[in-house]
Structures are given as C-alpha cells and as structure tokens.
Amino acid sequence: MSASAIEYDPYSYELDLDPYPVYRRMRDEAPVYYNERLDFYALTRFQDNLDAFIDWQTYSSARGTVLELMGNDEIPGNMIIFMDPPRQTRYRNLVSKAFTPARIRDLAPTIRRLTVEHLD
C-alpha cells in the first residue's frame, strides 16, 4: 500500500477507536503527511515536531494550532497558544508566576470543589 492511500481524518470516530495503526503508517510512510481534502499537514515523527516547535519562524502558531481555526490570517486576541516569540515569550513570562507548583497545589481544593459542583 502506498503513502497516498493513507487517510488520516482527525474527525473520524472510527479512527478514535484505534488510531495507532494509522499513526504508525503515517510515521513509516508519510512523515510529512498532507490531507488534500481538509488542506492540512501533519508532522508524524517526534524529532520533526520538536524541530518545528523550535523553528517558530517557519512553523508559526499565529495562524492557528486548531484545524477549525487555521487560515491565512493571524488569529486576533491574546491567547498565548496562538502567538509566536517574542510576543509569546513576554506573555509566558508574565503568567508563569501564577502557575508555580506551589500555586497550583494551593488551587487544588478549589479546582476539586468546582469540578464536583459542575459534575453534580
């Protein structure tokens, strides 16, 4: 079977049941997978993803990291996940103080309480 026969549909419920054979084929046969129907690329190997993560000039997050939101325009607003350095770095440095291990530990009882309330 050729790499072109691989069909990765991130919206497929069938794929959700057992995605690992498709993931394995993509890594082996299509390390840079392109889905023509949905018009997206997927990097399927760890090192390629790490390299892309580090090379933000080539692999920008500013146009989206979620398939439904991706396009040619930058996503407006202040969501850190949709930013690139140096802007993202400034925001991350500001908010990182609120997410220290000690602060998260302090928030745990409130998070548990709210979770139980929502589930109830």
PDB file of N, CA and C in Angstrom:
ATOM      1  N   MET A   1       0.853  -1.183   0.000  1.00  0.00           N
ATOM      2  CA  MET A   1       0.000   0.000   0.000  1.00  0.00           C
ATOM      3  C   MET A   1       0.897   1.244   0.000  1.00  0.00           C
ATOM      4  N   SER A   2       0.568   2.215  -0.758  1.00  0.00           N
ATOM      5  CA  SER A   2       1.397   3.404  -0.881  1.00  0.00           C
ATOM      6  C   SER A   2       1.007   4.453   0.149  1.00  0.00           C
ATOM      7  N   ALA A   3       1.898   5.431   0.362  1.00  0.00           N
ATOM      8  CA  ALA A   3       1.631   6.501   1.318  1.00  0.00           C
ATOM      9  C   ALA A   3       0.391   7.298   0.923  1.00  0.00           C
ATOM     10  N   SER A   4       0.128   7.408  -0.372  1.00  0.00           N
ATOM     11  CA  SER A   4      -1.044   8.179  -0.810  1.00  0.00           C
ATOM     12  C   SER A   4      -2.348   7.533  -0.375  1.00  0.00           C
ATOM     13  N   ALA A   5      -2.319   6.234  -0.053  1.00  0.00           N
ATOM     14  CA  ALA A   5      -3.532   5.544   0.370  1.00  0.00           C
ATOM     15  C   ALA A   5      -3.848   5.785   1.845  1.00  0.00           C
ATOM     16  N   ILE A   6      -2.948   6.407   2.567  1.00  0.00           N
ATOM     17  CA  ILE A   6      -3.209   6.699   3.973  1.00  0.00           C
ATOM     18  C   ILE A   6      -4.237   7.817   4.047  1.00  0.00           C
ATOM     19  N   GLU A   7      -5.265   7.599   4.837  1.00  0.00           N
ATOM     20  CA  GLU A   7      -6.278   8.635   5.048  1.00  0.00           C
ATOM     21  C   GLU A   7      -6.364   8.917   6.541  1.00  0.00           C
ATOM     22  N   TYR A   8      -5.835  10.047   6.931  1.00  0.00           N
ATOM     23  CA  TYR A   8      -5.924  10.479   8.322  1.00  0.00           C
ATOM     24  C   TYR A   8      -6.994  11.565   8.398  1.00  0.00           C
ATOM     25  N   ASP A   9      -8.092  11.233   9.043  1.00  0.00           N
ATOM     26  CA  ASP A   9      -9.191  12.176   9.229  1.00  0.00           C
ATOM     27  C   ASP A   9      -9.336  12.422  10.726  1.00  0.00           C
ATOM     28  N   PRO A  10      -8.899  13.572  11.201  1.00  0.00           N
ATOM     29  CA  PRO A  10      -8.949  13.834  12.644  1.00  0.00           C
ATOM     30  C   PRO A  10     -10.366  13.903  13.195  1.00  0.00           C
ATOM     31  N   TYR A  11     -11.367  13.932  12.325  1.00  0.00           N
ATOM     32  CA  TYR A  11     -12.765  13.984  12.758  1.00  0.00           C
ATOM     33  C   TYR A  11     -13.423  12.607  12.770  1.00  0.00           C
ATOM     34  N   SER A  12     -12.694  11.579  12.428  1.00  0.00           N
ATOM     35  CA  SER A  12     -13.253  10.240  12.295  1.00  0.00           C
ATOM     36  C   SER A  12     -13.445   9.574  13.655  1.00  0.00           C
ATOM     37  N   TYR A  13     -14.683   9.216  13.957  1.00  0.00           N
ATOM     38  CA  TYR A  13     -14.958   8.472  15.187  1.00  0.00           C
ATOM     39  C   TYR A  13     -14.358   7.073  15.106  1.00  0.00           C
ATOM     40  N   GLU A  14     -14.361   6.499  13.932  1.00  0.00           N
ATOM     41  CA  GLU A  14     -13.780   5.169  13.734  1.00  0.00           C
ATOM     42  C   GLU A  14     -12.291   5.190  14.066  1.00  0.00           C
ATOM     43  N   LEU A  15     -11.590   6.216  13.621  1.00  0.00           N
ATOM     44  CA  LEU A  15     -10.172   6.336  13.914  1.00  0.00           C
ATOM     45  C   LEU A  15      -9.934   6.457  15.418  1.00  0.00           C
ATOM     46  N   ASP A  16     -10.815   7.150  16.109  1.00  0.00           N
ATOM     47  CA  ASP A  16     -10.673   7.315  17.562  1.00  0.00           C
ATOM     48  C   ASP A  16     -10.647   5.978  18.297  1.00  0.00           C
ATOM     49  N   LEU A  17     -11.311   4.971  17.756  1.00  0.00           N
ATOM     50  CA  LEU A  17     -11.370   3.669  18.417  1.00  0.00           C
ATOM     51  C   LEU A  17      -9.997   2.999  18.491  1.00  0.00           C
ATOM     52  N   ASP A  18      -9.188   3.188  17.453  1.00  0.00           N
ATOM     53  CA  ASP A  18      -7.842   2.607  17.432  1.00  0.00           C
ATOM     54  C   ASP A  18      -6.977   3.377  16.430  1.00  0.00           C
ATOM     55  N   PRO A  19      -6.429   4.524  16.844  1.00  0.00           N
ATOM     56  CA  PRO A  19      -5.670   5.355  15.902  1.00  0.00           C
ATOM     57  C   PRO A  19      -4.244   4.873  15.638  1.00  0.00           C
ATOM     58  N   TYR A  20      -3.740   3.947  16.469  1.00  0.00           N
ATOM     59  CA  TYR A  20      -2.317   3.634  16.428  1.00  0.00           C
ATOM     60  C   TYR A  20      -1.833   2.994  15.131  1.00  0.00           C
ATOM     61  N   PRO A  21      -2.597   2.132  14.477  1.00  0.00           N
ATOM     62  CA  PRO A  21      -2.121   1.623  13.174  1.00  0.00           C
ATOM     63  C   PRO A  21      -1.961   2.742  12.130  1.00  0.00           C
ATOM     64  N   VAL A  22      -2.881   3.692  12.117  1.00  0.00           N
ATOM     65  CA  VAL A  22      -2.771   4.812  11.175  1.00  0.00           C
ATOM     66  C   VAL A  22      -1.578   5.688  11.543  1.00  0.00           C
ATOM     67  N   TYR A  23      -1.416   5.963  12.828  1.00  0.00           N
ATOM     68  CA  TYR A  23      -0.261   6.760  13.261  1.00  0.00           C
ATOM     69  C   TYR A  23       1.050   6.074  12.858  1.00  0.00           C
ATOM     70  N   ARG A  24       1.119   4.757  13.044  1.00  0.00           N
ATOM     71  CA  ARG A  24       2.331   4.015  12.698  1.00  0.00           C
ATOM     72  C   ARG A  24       2.614   4.120  11.200  1.00  0.00           C
ATOM     73  N   ARG A  25       1.584   3.927  10.391  1.00  0.00           N
ATOM     74  CA  ARG A  25       1.766   4.028   8.933  1.00  0.00           C
ATOM     75  C   ARG A  25       2.208   5.438   8.547  1.00  0.00           C
ATOM     76  N   MET A  26       1.611   6.440   9.175  1.00  0.00           N
ATOM     77  CA  MET A  26       1.999   7.814   8.852  1.00  0.00           C
ATOM     78  C   MET A  26       3.469   8.036   9.192  1.00  0.00           C
ATOM     79  N   ARG A  27       3.907   7.581  10.352  1.00  0.00           N
ATOM     80  CA  ARG A  27       5.320   7.738  10.723  1.00  0.00           C
ATOM     81  C   ARG A  27       6.228   7.014   9.734  1.00  0.00           C
ATOM     82  N   ASP A  28       5.830   5.796   9.345  1.00  0.00           N
ATOM     83  CA  ASP A  28       6.671   4.989   8.451  1.00  0.00           C
ATOM     84  C   ASP A  28       6.640   5.468   7.002  1.00  0.00           C
ATOM     85  N   GLU A  29       5.461   5.860   6.524  1.00  0.00           N
ATOM     86  CA  GLU A  29       5.280   6.119   5.098  1.00  0.00           C
ATOM     87  C   GLU A  29       5.069   7.585   4.735  1.00  0.00           C
ATOM     88  N   ALA A  30       4.632   8.383   5.683  1.00  0.00           N
ATOM     89  CA  ALA A  30       4.320   9.789   5.380  1.00  0.00           C
ATOM     90  C   ALA A  30       4.709  10.680   6.550  1.00  0.00           C
ATOM     91  N   PRO A  31       6.015  10.822   6.818  1.00  0.00           N
ATOM     92  CA  PRO A  31       6.431  11.629   7.969  1.00  0.00           C
ATOM     93  C   PRO A  31       5.952  13.075   7.894  1.00  0.00           C
ATOM     94  N   VAL A  32       5.786  13.586   6.679  1.00  0.00           N
ATOM     95  CA  VAL A  32       5.127  14.887   6.482  1.00  0.00           C
ATOM     96  C   VAL A  32       3.857  14.574   5.705  1.00  0.00           C
ATOM     97  N   TYR A  33       2.791  14.376   6.454  1.00  0.00           N
ATOM     98  CA  TYR A  33       1.521  13.950   5.866  1.00  0.00           C
ATOM     99  C   TYR A  33       0.726  15.163   5.405  1.00  0.00           C
ATOM    100  N   TYR A  34       0.154  15.067   4.223  1.00  0.00           N
ATOM    101  CA  TYR A  34      -0.719  16.130   3.730  1.00  0.00           C
ATOM    102  C   TYR A  34      -2.098  15.551   3.447  1.00  0.00           C
ATOM    103  N   ASN A  35      -3.122  16.183   3.983  1.00  0.00           N
ATOM    104  CA  ASN A  35      -4.510  15.791   3.736  1.00  0.00           C
ATOM    105  C   ASN A  35      -5.089  16.808   2.767  1.00  0.00           C
ATOM    106  N   GLU A  36      -5.252  16.388   1.520  1.00  0.00           N
ATOM    107  CA  GLU A  36      -5.720  17.299   0.479  1.00  0.00           C
ATOM    108  C   GLU A  36      -7.168  17.730   0.713  1.00  0.00           C
ATOM    109  N   ARG A  37      -7.995  16.794   1.143  1.00  0.00           N
ATOM    110  CA  ARG A  37      -9.420  17.089   1.333  1.00  0.00           C
ATOM    111  C   ARG A  37      -9.642  18.173   2.400  1.00  0.00           C
ATOM    112  N   LEU A  38      -8.904  18.088   3.506  1.00  0.00           N
ATOM    113  CA  LEU A  38      -9.066  19.061   4.591  1.00  0.00           C
ATOM    114  C   LEU A  38      -7.991  20.152   4.560  1.00  0.00           C
ATOM    115  N   ASP A  39      -7.029  20.037   3.655  1.00  0.00           N
ATOM    116  CA  ASP A  39      -5.970  21.021   3.451  1.00  0.00           C
ATOM    117  C   ASP A  39      -5.166  21.303   4.723  1.00  0.00           C
ATOM    118  N   PHE A  40      -4.519  20.248   5.240  1.00  0.00           N
ATOM    119  CA  PHE A  40      -3.617  20.445   6.370  1.00  0.00           C
ATOM    120  C   PHE A  40      -2.454  19.464   6.269  1.00  0.00           C
ATOM    121  N   TYR A  41      -1.375  19.846   6.912  1.00  0.00           N
ATOM    122  CA  TYR A  41      -0.205  18.987   7.039  1.00  0.00           C
ATOM    123  C   TYR A  41      -0.118  18.489   8.479  1.00  0.00           C
ATOM    124  N   ALA A  42       0.474  17.326   8.654  1.00  0.00           N
ATOM    125  CA  ALA A  42       0.748  16.790   9.984  1.00  0.00           C
ATOM    126  C   ALA A  42       2.148  16.202   9.984  1.00  0.00           C
ATOM    127  N   LEU A  43       2.954  16.633  10.918  1.00  0.00           N
ATOM    128  CA  LEU A  43       4.266  16.027  11.120  1.00  0.00           C
ATOM    129  C   LEU A  43       4.059  14.828  12.035  1.00  0.00           C
ATOM    130  N   THR A  44       4.610  13.682  11.656  1.00  0.00           N
ATOM    131  CA  THR A  44       4.271  12.449  12.361  1.00  0.00           C
ATOM    132  C   THR A  44       5.411  11.862  13.185  1.00  0.00           C
ATOM    133  N   ARG A  45       6.564  12.492  13.167  1.00  0.00           N
ATOM    134  CA  ARG A  45       7.708  11.976  13.928  1.00  0.00           C
ATOM    135  C   ARG A  45       8.119  12.981  14.998  1.00  0.00           C
ATOM    136  N   PHE A  46       8.560  12.434  16.116  1.00  0.00           N
ATOM    137  CA  PHE A  46       8.901  13.266  17.264  1.00  0.00           C
ATOM    138  C   PHE A  46       9.922  14.351  16.910  1.00  0.00           C
ATOM    139  N   GLN A  47      11.036  13.953  16.314  1.00  0.00           N
ATOM    140  CA  GLN A  47      12.098  14.926  16.047  1.00  0.00           C
ATOM    141  C   GLN A  47      11.621  16.022  15.103  1.00  0.00           C
ATOM    142  N   ASP A  48      10.819  15.672  14.107  1.00  0.00           N
ATOM    143  CA  ASP A  48      10.280  16.674  13.188  1.00  0.00           C
ATOM    144  C   ASP A  48       9.393  17.668  13.933  1.00  0.00           C
ATOM    145  N   ASN A  49       8.586  17.152  14.862  1.00  0.00           N
ATOM    146  CA  ASN A  49       7.728  18.037  15.659  1.00  0.00           C
ATOM    147  C   ASN A  49       8.557  18.934  16.560  1.00  0.00           C
ATOM    148  N   LEU A  50       9.578  18.373  17.182  1.00  0.00           N
ATOM    149  CA  LEU A  50      10.451  19.173  18.043  1.00  0.00           C
ATOM    150  C   LEU A  50      11.145  20.263  17.234  1.00  0.00           C
ATOM    151  N   ASP A  51      11.664  19.900  16.073  1.00  0.00           N
ATOM    152  CA  ASP A  51      12.326  20.893  15.216  1.00  0.00           C
ATOM    153  C   ASP A  51      11.354  22.002  14.808  1.00  0.00           C
ATOM    154  N   ALA A  52      10.125  21.636  14.474  1.00  0.00           N
ATOM    155  CA  ALA A  52       9.120  22.628  14.079  1.00  0.00           C
ATOM    156  C   ALA A  52       8.742  23.511  15.264  1.00  0.00           C
ATOM    157  N   PHE A  53       8.644  22.931  16.434  1.00  0.00           N
ATOM    158  CA  PHE A  53       8.325  23.693  17.637  1.00  0.00           C
ATOM    159  C   PHE A  53       9.382  24.767  17.896  1.00  0.00           C
ATOM    160  N   ILE A  54      10.623  24.404  17.685  1.00  0.00           N
ATOM    161  CA  ILE A  54      11.733  25.338  17.922  1.00  0.00           C
ATOM    162  C   ILE A  54      11.826  26.381  16.811  1.00  0.00           C
ATOM    163  N   ASP A  55      11.522  26.001  15.578  1.00  0.00           N
ATOM    164  CA  ASP A  55      11.627  26.900  14.421  1.00  0.00           C
ATOM    165  C   ASP A  55      10.297  27.627  14.191  1.00  0.00           C
ATOM    166  N   TRP A  56       9.975  28.531  15.102  1.00  0.00           N
ATOM    167  CA  TRP A  56       8.687  29.224  15.024  1.00  0.00           C
ATOM    168  C   TRP A  56       8.604  30.180  13.842  1.00  0.00           C
ATOM    169  N   GLN A  57       9.742  30.600  13.288  1.00  0.00           N
ATOM    170  CA  GLN A  57       9.683  31.479  12.118  1.00  0.00           C
ATOM    171  C   GLN A  57       9.087  30.752  10.916  1.00  0.00           C
ATOM    172  N   THR A  58       9.388  29.461  10.782  1.00  0.00           N
ATOM    173  CA  THR A  58       8.856  28.663   9.680  1.00  0.00           C
ATOM    174  C   THR A  58       7.494  28.078  10.020  1.00  0.00           C
ATOM    175  N   TYR A  59       7.352  27.593  11.250  1.00  0.00           N
ATOM    176  CA  TYR A  59       6.137  26.892  11.678  1.00  0.00           C
ATOM    177  C   TYR A  59       5.404  27.732  12.720  1.00  0.00           C
ATOM    178  N   SER A  60       4.819  28.799  12.285  1.00  0.00           N
ATOM    179  CA  SER A  60       4.158  29.761  13.166  1.00  0.00           C
ATOM    180  C   SER A  60       2.886  29.194  13.780  1.00  0.00           C
ATOM    181  N   SER A  61       2.605  29.626  15.014  1.00  0.00           N
ATOM    182  CA  SER A  61       1.336  29.309  15.674  1.00  0.00           C
ATOM    183  C   SER A  61       0.326  30.433  15.506  1.00  0.00           C
ATOM    184  N   ALA A  62       0.760  31.545  14.948  1.00  0.00           N
ATOM    185  CA  ALA A  62      -0.087  32.742  14.877  1.00  0.00           C
ATOM    186  C   ALA A  62      -1.298  32.565  13.963  1.00  0.00           C
ATOM    187  N   ARG A  63      -1.263  31.593  13.076  1.00  0.00           N
ATOM    188  CA  ARG A  63      -2.410  31.354  12.183  1.00  0.00           C
ATOM    189  C   ARG A  63      -3.247  30.168  12.654  1.00  0.00           C
ATOM    190  N   GLY A  64      -2.947  29.706  13.850  1.00  0.00           N
ATOM    191  CA  GLY A  64      -3.756  28.665  14.454  1.00  0.00           C
ATOM    192  C   GLY A  64      -3.012  27.382  14.720  1.00  0.00           C
ATOM    193  N   THR A  65      -3.482  26.677  15.715  1.00  0.00           N
ATOM    194  CA  THR A  65      -2.974  25.350  16.042  1.00  0.00           C
ATOM    195  C   THR A  65      -4.116  24.347  16.060  1.00  0.00           C
ATOM    196  N   VAL A  66      -5.310  24.832  15.769  1.00  0.00           N
ATOM    197  CA  VAL A  66      -6.517  24.016  15.757  1.00  0.00           C
ATOM    198  C   VAL A  66      -7.054  24.031  14.330  1.00  0.00           C
ATOM    199  N   LEU A  67      -7.259  22.871  13.773  1.00  0.00           N
ATOM    200  CA  LEU A  67      -7.629  22.758  12.363  1.00  0.00           C
ATOM    201  C   LEU A  67      -8.794  23.671  11.986  1.00  0.00           C
ATOM    202  N   GLU A  68      -9.819  23.742  12.834  1.00  0.00           N
ATOM    203  CA  GLU A  68     -11.001  24.547  12.513  1.00  0.00           C
ATOM    204  C   GLU A  68     -10.704  26.046  12.452  1.00  0.00           C
ATOM    205  N   LEU A  69      -9.649  26.479  13.111  1.00  0.00           N
ATOM    206  CA  LEU A  69      -9.340  27.905  13.156  1.00  0.00           C
ATOM    207  C   LEU A  69      -8.239  28.321  12.199  1.00  0.00           C
ATOM    208  N   MET A  70      -7.569  27.355  11.590  1.00  0.00           N
ATOM    209  CA  MET A  70      -6.413  27.686  10.763  1.00  0.00           C
ATOM    210  C   MET A  70      -6.832  28.356   9.462  1.00  0.00           C
ATOM    211  N   GLY A  71      -6.022  29.303   9.064  1.00  0.00           N
ATOM    212  CA  GLY A  71      -6.285  30.012   7.821  1.00  0.00           C
ATOM    213  C   GLY A  71      -5.087  30.846   7.441  1.00  0.00           C
ATOM    214  N   ASN A  72      -5.314  31.808   6.574  1.00  0.00           N
ATOM    215  CA  ASN A  72      -4.226  32.656   6.103  1.00  0.00           C
ATOM    216  C   ASN A  72      -3.979  33.858   7.000  1.00  0.00           C
ATOM    217  N   ASP A  73      -4.949  34.196   7.830  1.00  0.00           N
ATOM    218  CA  ASP A  73      -4.818  35.379   8.676  1.00  0.00           C
ATOM    219  C   ASP A  73      -4.423  34.990  10.083  1.00  0.00           C
ATOM    220  N   GLU A  74      -3.715  35.917  10.741  1.00  0.00           N
ATOM    221  CA  GLU A  74      -3.393  35.687  12.138  1.00  0.00           C
ATOM    222  C   GLU A  74      -4.669  35.717  12.953  1.00  0.00           C
ATOM    223  N   ILE A  75      -4.698  34.907  14.004  1.00  0.00           N
ATOM    224  CA  ILE A  75      -5.859  34.852  14.882  1.00  0.00           C
ATOM    225  C   ILE A  75      -5.773  36.037  15.838  1.00  0.00           C
ATOM    226  N   PRO A  76      -6.808  36.878  15.873  1.00  0.00           N
ATOM    227  CA  PRO A  76      -6.760  38.046  16.753  1.00  0.00           C
ATOM    228  C   PRO A  76      -6.920  37.638  18.214  1.00  0.00           C
ATOM    229  N   GLY A  77      -6.485  38.515  19.098  1.00  0.00           N
ATOM    230  CA  GLY A  77      -6.669  38.267  20.523  1.00  0.00           C
ATOM    231  C   GLY A  77      -5.370  37.954  21.223  1.00  0.00           C
ATOM    232  N   ASN A  78      -5.523  37.533  22.459  1.00  0.00           N
ATOM    233  CA  ASN A  78      -4.357  37.344  23.315  1.00  0.00           C
ATOM    234  C   ASN A  78      -4.245  35.932  23.871  1.00  0.00           C
ATOM    235  N   MET A  79      -4.585  34.934  23.081  1.00  0.00           N
ATOM    236  CA  MET A  79      -4.402  33.558  23.531  1.00  0.00           C
ATOM    237  C   MET A  79      -2.965  33.147  23.242  1.00  0.00           C
ATOM    238  N   ILE A  80      -2.231  32.812  24.286  1.00  0.00           N
ATOM    239  CA  ILE A  80      -0.805  32.534  24.164  1.00  0.00           C
ATOM    240  C   ILE A  80      -0.518  31.420  23.156  1.00  0.00           C
ATOM    241  N   ILE A  81      -1.387  30.429  23.077  1.00  0.00           N
ATOM    242  CA  ILE A  81      -1.151  29.307  22.167  1.00  0.00           C
ATOM    243  C   ILE A  81      -1.138  29.751  20.700  1.00  0.00           C
ATOM    244  N   PHE A  82      -1.748  30.888  20.400  1.00  0.00           N
ATOM    245  CA  PHE A  82      -1.789  31.399  19.034  1.00  0.00           C
ATOM    246  C   PHE A  82      -0.801  32.552  18.827  1.00  0.00           C
ATOM    247  N   MET A  83       0.284  32.545  19.569  1.00  0.00           N
ATOM    248  CA  MET A  83       1.312  33.577  19.447  1.00  0.00           C
ATOM    249  C   MET A  83       2.654  32.936  19.131  1.00  0.00           C
ATOM    250  N   ASP A  84       3.544  33.729  18.595  1.00  0.00           N
ATOM    251  CA  ASP A  84       4.931  33.342  18.376  1.00  0.00           C
ATOM    252  C   ASP A  84       5.821  34.253  19.199  1.00  0.00           C
ATOM    253  N   PRO A  85       7.069  33.818  19.474  1.00  0.00           N
ATOM    254  CA  PRO A  85       8.028  34.717  20.109  1.00  0.00           C
ATOM    255  C   PRO A  85       8.266  35.937  19.212  1.00  0.00           C
ATOM    256  N   PRO A  86       8.626  37.056  19.726  1.00  0.00           N
ATOM    257  CA  PRO A  86       8.910  37.345  21.131  1.00  0.00           C
ATOM    258  C   PRO A  86       7.648  37.689  21.941  1.00  0.00           C
ATOM    259  N   ARG A  87       6.539  37.953  21.260  1.00  0.00           N
ATOM    260  CA  ARG A  87       5.294  38.304  21.974  1.00  0.00           C
ATOM    261  C   ARG A  87       4.887  37.190  22.937  1.00  0.00           C
ATOM    262  N   GLN A  88       4.902  35.942  22.475  1.00  0.00           N
ATOM    263  CA  GLN A  88       4.526  34.823  23.328  1.00  0.00           C
ATOM    264  C   GLN A  88       5.437  34.739  24.558  1.00  0.00           C
ATOM    265  N   THR A  89       6.714  34.959  24.365  1.00  0.00           N
ATOM    266  CA  THR A  89       7.673  34.888  25.471  1.00  0.00           C
ATOM    267  C   THR A  89       7.339  35.907  26.548  1.00  0.00           C
ATOM    268  N   ARG A  90       6.995  37.128  26.138  1.00  0.00           N
ATOM    269  CA  ARG A  90       6.628  38.162  27.120  1.00  0.00           C
ATOM    270  C   ARG A  90       5.413  37.729  27.931  1.00  0.00           C
ATOM    271  N   TYR A  91       4.381  37.237  27.252  1.00  0.00           N
ATOM    272  CA  TYR A  91       3.170  36.791  27.954  1.00  0.00           C
ATOM    273  C   TYR A  91       3.465  35.595  28.860  1.00  0.00           C
ATOM    274  N   ARG A  92       4.205  34.639  28.367  1.00  0.00           N
ATOM    275  CA  ARG A  92       4.522  33.444  29.175  1.00  0.00           C
ATOM    276  C   ARG A  92       5.299  33.832  30.419  1.00  0.00           C
ATOM    277  N   ASN A  93       6.236  34.750  30.289  1.00  0.00           N
ATOM    278  CA  ASN A  93       6.992  35.179  31.468  1.00  0.00           C
ATOM    279  C   ASN A  93       6.088  35.851  32.494  1.00  0.00           C
ATOM    280  N   LEU A  94       5.099  36.595  32.019  1.00  0.00           N
ATOM    281  CA  LEU A  94       4.167  37.255  32.944  1.00  0.00           C
ATOM    282  C   LEU A  94       3.275  36.250  33.675  1.00  0.00           C
ATOM    283  N   VAL A  95       2.708  35.306  32.956  1.00  0.00           N
ATOM    284  CA  VAL A  95       1.748  34.392  33.584  1.00  0.00           C
ATOM    285  C   VAL A  95       2.405  33.221  34.301  1.00  0.00           C
ATOM    286  N   SER A  96       3.662  32.938  34.016  1.00  0.00           N
ATOM    287  CA  SER A  96       4.305  31.774  34.628  1.00  0.00           C
ATOM    288  C   SER A  96       4.362  31.882  36.147  1.00  0.00           C
ATOM    289  N   LYS A  97       4.407  33.089  36.664  1.00  0.00           N
ATOM    290  CA  LYS A  97       4.443  33.280  38.115  1.00  0.00           C
ATOM    291  C   LYS A  97       3.159  32.784  38.779  1.00  0.00           C
ATOM    292  N   ALA A  98       2.067  32.771  38.040  1.00  0.00           N
ATOM    293  CA  ALA A  98       0.782  32.306  38.589  1.00  0.00           C
ATOM    294  C   ALA A  98       0.634  30.789  38.514  1.00  0.00           C
ATOM    295  N   PHE A  99       1.569  30.105  37.858  1.00  0.00           N
ATOM    296  CA  PHE A  99       1.446  28.669  37.675  1.00  0.00           C
ATOM    297  C   PHE A  99       2.621  27.891  38.249  1.00  0.00           C
ATOM    298  N   THR A 100       3.161  28.370  39.353  1.00  0.00           N
ATOM    299  CA  THR A 100       4.226  27.626  40.020  1.00  0.00           C
ATOM    300  C   THR A 100       3.620  26.380  40.659  1.00  0.00           C
ATOM    301  N   PRO A 101       4.432  25.361  40.921  1.00  0.00           N
ATOM    302  CA  PRO A 101       3.895  24.157  41.582  1.00  0.00           C
ATOM    303  C   PRO A 101       3.187  24.471  42.901  1.00  0.00           C
ATOM    304  N   ALA A 102       3.742  25.390  43.688  1.00  0.00           N
ATOM    305  CA  ALA A 102       3.112  25.744  44.967  1.00  0.00           C
ATOM    306  C   ALA A 102       1.749  26.395  44.745  1.00  0.00           C
ATOM    307  N   ARG A 103       1.655  27.275  43.762  1.00  0.00           N
ATOM    308  CA  ARG A 103       0.379  27.952  43.495  1.00  0.00           C
ATOM    309  C   ARG A 103      -0.672  26.960  43.000  1.00  0.00           C
ATOM    310  N   ILE A 104      -0.295  26.052  42.152  1.00  0.00           N
ATOM    311  CA  ILE A 104      -1.230  25.038  41.666  1.00  0.00           C
ATOM    312  C   ILE A 104      -1.689  24.154  42.823  1.00  0.00           C
ATOM    313  N   ARG A 105      -0.764  23.782  43.711  1.00  0.00           N
ATOM    314  CA  ARG A 105      -1.131  22.999  44.900  1.00  0.00           C
ATOM    315  C   ARG A 105      -2.157  23.751  45.742  1.00  0.00           C
ATOM    316  N   ASP A 106      -1.974  25.069  45.898  1.00  0.00           N
ATOM    317  CA  ASP A 106      -2.916  25.894  46.661  1.00  0.00           C
ATOM    318  C   ASP A 106      -4.294  25.941  45.996  1.00  0.00           C
ATOM    319  N   LEU A 107      -4.317  25.883  44.677  1.00  0.00           N
ATOM    320  CA  LEU A 107      -5.585  25.948  43.939  1.00  0.00           C
ATOM    321  C   LEU A 107      -6.329  24.610  43.885  1.00  0.00           C
ATOM    322  N   ALA A 108      -5.639  23.519  44.176  1.00  0.00           N
ATOM    323  CA  ALA A 108      -6.222  22.184  44.012  1.00  0.00           C
ATOM    324  C   ALA A 108      -7.558  22.012  44.734  1.00  0.00           C
ATOM    325  N   PRO A 109      -7.717  22.427  46.001  1.00  0.00           N
ATOM    326  CA  PRO A 109      -9.021  22.244  46.654  1.00  0.00           C
ATOM    327  C   PRO A 109     -10.152  22.997  45.941  1.00  0.00           C
ATOM    328  N   THR A 110      -9.885  24.190  45.478  1.00  0.00           N
ATOM    329  CA  THR A 110     -10.901  24.969  44.760  1.00  0.00           C
ATOM    330  C   THR A 110     -11.236  24.305  43.430  1.00  0.00           C
ATOM    331  N   ILE A 111     -10.233  23.811  42.745  1.00  0.00           N
ATOM    332  CA  ILE A 111     -10.458  23.136  41.467  1.00  0.00           C
ATOM    333  C   ILE A 111     -11.295  21.878  41.688  1.00  0.00           C
ATOM    334  N   ARG A 112     -10.980  21.112  42.722  1.00  0.00           N
ATOM    335  CA  ARG A 112     -11.763  19.910  43.031  1.00  0.00           C
ATOM    336  C   ARG A 112     -13.214  20.271  43.351  1.00  0.00           C
ATOM    337  N   ARG A 113     -13.409  21.298  44.174  1.00  0.00           N
ATOM    338  CA  ARG A 113     -14.752  21.702  44.555  1.00  0.00           C
ATOM    339  C   ARG A 113     -15.564  22.134  43.335  1.00  0.00           C
ATOM    340  N   LEU A 114     -14.973  22.949  42.493  1.00  0.00           N
ATOM    341  CA  LEU A 114     -15.680  23.402  41.287  1.00  0.00           C
ATOM    342  C   LEU A 114     -15.975  22.229  40.345  1.00  0.00           C
ATOM    343  N   THR A 115     -15.057  21.317  40.239  1.00  0.00           N
ATOM    344  CA  THR A 115     -15.265  20.155  39.380  1.00  0.00           C
ATOM    345  C   THR A 115     -16.439  19.324  39.876  1.00  0.00           C
ATOM    346  N   VAL A 116     -16.471  19.071  41.174  1.00  0.00           N
ATOM    347  CA  VAL A 116     -17.582  18.297  41.751  1.00  0.00           C
ATOM    348  C   VAL A 116     -18.898  19.029  41.541  1.00  0.00           C
ATOM    349  N   GLU A 117     -18.914  20.335  41.743  1.00  0.00           N
ATOM    350  CA  GLU A 117     -20.140  21.114  41.535  1.00  0.00           C
ATOM    351  C   GLU A 117     -20.639  20.999  40.091  1.00  0.00           C
ATOM    352  N   HIS A 118     -19.724  21.118  39.152  1.00  0.00           N
ATOM    353  CA  HIS A 118     -20.116  21.026  37.733  1.00  0.00           C
ATOM    354  C   HIS A 118     -20.579  19.619  37.371  1.00  0.00           C
ATOM    355  N   LEU A 119     -19.927  18.618  37.910  1.00  0.00           N
ATOM    356  CA  LEU A 119     -20.334  17.246  37.615  1.00  0.00           C
ATOM    357  C   LEU A 119     -21.688  16.907  38.250  1.00  0.00           C
ATOM    358  N   ASP A 120     -21.916  17.437  39.430  1.00  0.00           N
ATOM    359  CA  ASP A 120     -23.209  17.217  40.091  1.00  0.00           C
ATOM    360  C   ASP A 120     -24.321  17.896  39.322  1.00  0.00           C
TER     361      ASP A 120
END
